Amino acid sequence: MFRTDRKNGHRGGVLLYVKCKMSTVEVKFKNEFSEQIWCKVQVRNGEDLLIGVCYRTPNESISQKDNNKFLCDMIAELHGKPLLLMGDFNFPNVD
């Protein structure tokens, strides 16, 4: 189990469960998007796959001032890496 709790006093955060049989390591990135958790899993071909969970709150009183910018920074930092990204981005008009 990997988790990141909110640090601003509000309840919540993100949680990632990975099967015990899988060899995983938690990974931290330099970007400032707060509600994210990542781990690295070695897949069959010997390469690493990043698995992440993110939550973008629609409530601006809970999020950081530049939350959308930080989300874009996170995506830019991960560009080109093999990954599986899951979460709730709260973009209701995206299909």
C-alpha atoms as a PDB file:
ATOM      1  CA  MET A   1       0.000   0.000   0.000  1.00  0.00           C
ATOM      2  CA  PHE A   2       1.217   3.463  -0.923  1.00  0.00           C
ATOM      3  CA  ARG A   3      -0.518   6.637   0.234  1.00  0.00           C
ATOM      4  CA  THR A   4      -0.231  10.391   0.322  1.00  0.00           C
ATOM      5  CA  ASP A   5      -2.391  12.324   2.786  1.00  0.00           C
ATOM      6  CA  ARG A   6      -3.339  15.964   2.344  1.00  0.00           C
ATOM      7  CA  LYS A   7      -0.976  18.223   4.216  1.00  0.00           C
ATOM      8  CA  ASN A   8      -3.270  21.272   4.447  1.00  0.00           C
ATOM      9  CA  GLY A   9      -5.464  20.019   7.298  1.00  0.00           C
ATOM     10  CA  HIS A  10      -8.310  18.767   5.078  1.00  0.00           C
ATOM     11  CA  ARG A  11      -9.298  15.100   5.128  1.00  0.00           C
ATOM     12  CA  GLY A  12      -8.376  13.063   2.078  1.00  0.00           C
ATOM     13  CA  GLY A  13      -5.513  12.048  -0.155  1.00  0.00           C
ATOM     14  CA  VAL A  14      -4.647   9.266  -2.590  1.00  0.00           C
ATOM     15  CA  LEU A  15      -4.056   5.559  -2.076  1.00  0.00           C
ATOM     16  CA  LEU A  16      -2.536   2.893  -4.312  1.00  0.00           C
ATOM     17  CA  TYR A  17      -2.710  -0.831  -3.588  1.00  0.00           C
ATOM     18  CA  VAL A  18      -0.377  -3.227  -5.405  1.00  0.00           C
ATOM     19  CA  LYS A  19      -0.451  -7.017  -5.134  1.00  0.00           C
ATOM     20  CA  CYS A  20       2.198  -8.264  -2.683  1.00  0.00           C
ATOM     21  CA  LYS A  21       3.701 -10.659  -5.251  1.00  0.00           C
ATOM     22  CA  MET A  22       4.731  -7.711  -7.415  1.00  0.00           C
ATOM     23  CA  SER A  23       8.092  -6.108  -6.757  1.00  0.00           C
ATOM     24  CA  THR A  24       7.369  -2.408  -6.253  1.00  0.00           C
ATOM     25  CA  VAL A  25       9.218   0.688  -5.134  1.00  0.00           C
ATOM     26  CA  GLU A  26       7.639   4.061  -4.327  1.00  0.00           C
ATOM     27  CA  VAL A  27       8.757   6.840  -6.675  1.00  0.00           C
ATOM     28  CA  LYS A  28       8.734  10.582  -5.941  1.00  0.00           C
ATOM     29  CA  PHE A  29       8.841  13.294  -8.601  1.00  0.00           C
ATOM     30  CA  LYS A  30       9.967  16.920  -8.435  1.00  0.00           C
ATOM     31  CA  ASN A  31       6.670  18.514  -9.470  1.00  0.00           C
ATOM     32  CA  GLU A  32       4.471  20.209  -6.862  1.00  0.00           C
ATOM     33  CA  PHE A  33       1.133  18.543  -7.648  1.00  0.00           C
ATOM     34  CA  SER A  34       0.152  17.411  -4.172  1.00  0.00           C
ATOM     35  CA  GLU A  35      -2.408  14.641  -4.583  1.00  0.00           C
ATOM     36  CA  GLN A  36      -0.415  11.960  -6.358  1.00  0.00           C
ATOM     37  CA  ILE A  37       1.284   8.693  -5.461  1.00  0.00           C
ATOM     38  CA  TRP A  38       3.559   6.631  -7.728  1.00  0.00           C
ATOM     39  CA  CYS A  39       5.314   3.301  -7.665  1.00  0.00           C
ATOM     40  CA  LYS A  40       7.580   1.489 -10.073  1.00  0.00           C
ATOM     41  CA  VAL A  41       6.835  -2.124 -11.057  1.00  0.00           C
ATOM     42  CA  GLN A  42       9.102  -4.375 -13.066  1.00  0.00           C
ATOM     43  CA  VAL A  43       7.119  -5.985 -15.902  1.00  0.00           C
ATOM     44  CA  ARG A  44       7.772  -9.235 -17.750  1.00  0.00           C
ATOM     45  CA  ASN A  45      10.229  -7.839 -20.292  1.00  0.00           C
ATOM     46  CA  GLY A  46      12.403  -6.490 -17.465  1.00  0.00           C
ATOM     47  CA  GLU A  47      11.410  -2.868 -18.016  1.00  0.00           C
ATOM     48  CA  ASP A  48       9.917  -0.627 -15.357  1.00  0.00           C
ATOM     49  CA  LEU A  49       6.322   0.584 -15.490  1.00  0.00           C
ATOM     50  CA  LEU A  50       5.226   3.587 -13.448  1.00  0.00           C
ATOM     51  CA  ILE A  51       1.813   3.258 -11.831  1.00  0.00           C
ATOM     52  CA  GLY A  52       0.210   6.376 -10.411  1.00  0.00           C
ATOM     53  CA  VAL A  53      -2.961   7.635  -8.799  1.00  0.00           C
ATOM     54  CA  CYS A  54      -3.893  11.315  -8.869  1.00  0.00           C
ATOM     55  CA  TYR A  55      -6.798  13.368  -7.624  1.00  0.00           C
ATOM     56  CA  ARG A  56      -7.581  16.860  -8.876  1.00  0.00           C
ATOM     57  CA  THR A  57     -10.106  18.400  -6.530  1.00  0.00           C
ATOM     58  CA  PRO A  58     -12.655  20.790  -8.026  1.00  0.00           C
ATOM     59  CA  ASN A  59     -12.743  22.632  -4.676  1.00  0.00           C
ATOM     60  CA  GLU A  60     -10.310  25.551  -4.932  1.00  0.00           C
ATOM     61  CA  SER A  61     -10.382  26.131  -1.171  1.00  0.00           C
ATOM     62  CA  ILE A  62      -8.744  22.705  -0.684  1.00  0.00           C
ATOM     63  CA  SER A  63      -6.283  22.781  -3.587  1.00  0.00           C
ATOM     64  CA  GLN A  64      -3.149  24.805  -4.067  1.00  0.00           C
ATOM     65  CA  LYS A  65      -3.442  28.132  -5.867  1.00  0.00           C
ATOM     66  CA  ASP A  66      -1.726  26.839  -9.030  1.00  0.00           C
ATOM     67  CA  ASN A  67      -3.191  23.319  -8.902  1.00  0.00           C
ATOM     68  CA  ASN A  68      -3.905  23.064 -12.645  1.00  0.00           C
ATOM     69  CA  LYS A  69      -0.404  24.327 -13.493  1.00  0.00           C
ATOM     70  CA  PHE A  70       1.117  21.759 -11.121  1.00  0.00           C
ATOM     71  CA  LEU A  71      -0.935  18.998 -12.774  1.00  0.00           C
ATOM     72  CA  CYS A  72       0.382  20.075 -16.194  1.00  0.00           C
ATOM     73  CA  ASP A  73       3.928  20.157 -14.778  1.00  0.00           C
ATOM     74  CA  MET A  74       3.470  16.583 -13.515  1.00  0.00           C
ATOM     75  CA  ILE A  75       2.283  15.411 -16.936  1.00  0.00           C
ATOM     76  CA  ALA A  76       5.225  17.150 -18.624  1.00  0.00           C
ATOM     77  CA  GLU A  77       7.700  15.527 -16.205  1.00  0.00           C
ATOM     78  CA  LEU A  78       6.289  12.075 -16.986  1.00  0.00           C
ATOM     79  CA  HIS A  79       6.102  12.558 -20.760  1.00  0.00           C
ATOM     80  CA  GLY A  80       7.641   9.648 -22.663  1.00  0.00           C
ATOM     81  CA  LYS A  81       7.847   7.276 -19.695  1.00  0.00           C
ATOM     82  CA  PRO A  82       5.913   3.978 -19.762  1.00  0.00           C
ATOM     83  CA  LEU A  83       3.125   4.491 -17.240  1.00  0.00           C
ATOM     84  CA  LEU A  84      -0.377   3.723 -16.097  1.00  0.00           C
ATOM     85  CA  LEU A  85      -2.103   6.792 -14.653  1.00  0.00           C
ATOM     86  CA  MET A  86      -5.416   6.463 -12.811  1.00  0.00           C
ATOM     87  CA  GLY A  87      -7.485   8.891 -10.837  1.00  0.00           C
ATOM     88  CA  ASP A  88     -10.177  11.506 -10.800  1.00  0.00           C
ATOM     89  CA  PHE A  89      -9.290  14.693 -12.647  1.00  0.00           C
ATOM     90  CA  ASN A  90     -12.735  16.330 -12.278  1.00  0.00           C
ATOM     91  CA  PHE A  91     -12.919  17.598 -15.851  1.00  0.00           C
ATOM     92  CA  PRO A  92     -16.667  17.023 -16.479  1.00  0.00           C
ATOM     93  CA  ASN A  93     -16.596  18.087 -20.148  1.00  0.00           C
ATOM     94  CA  VAL A  94     -13.800  15.694 -21.154  1.00  0.00           C
ATOM     95  CA  ASP A  95     -15.101  12.559 -22.861  1.00  0.00           C
END
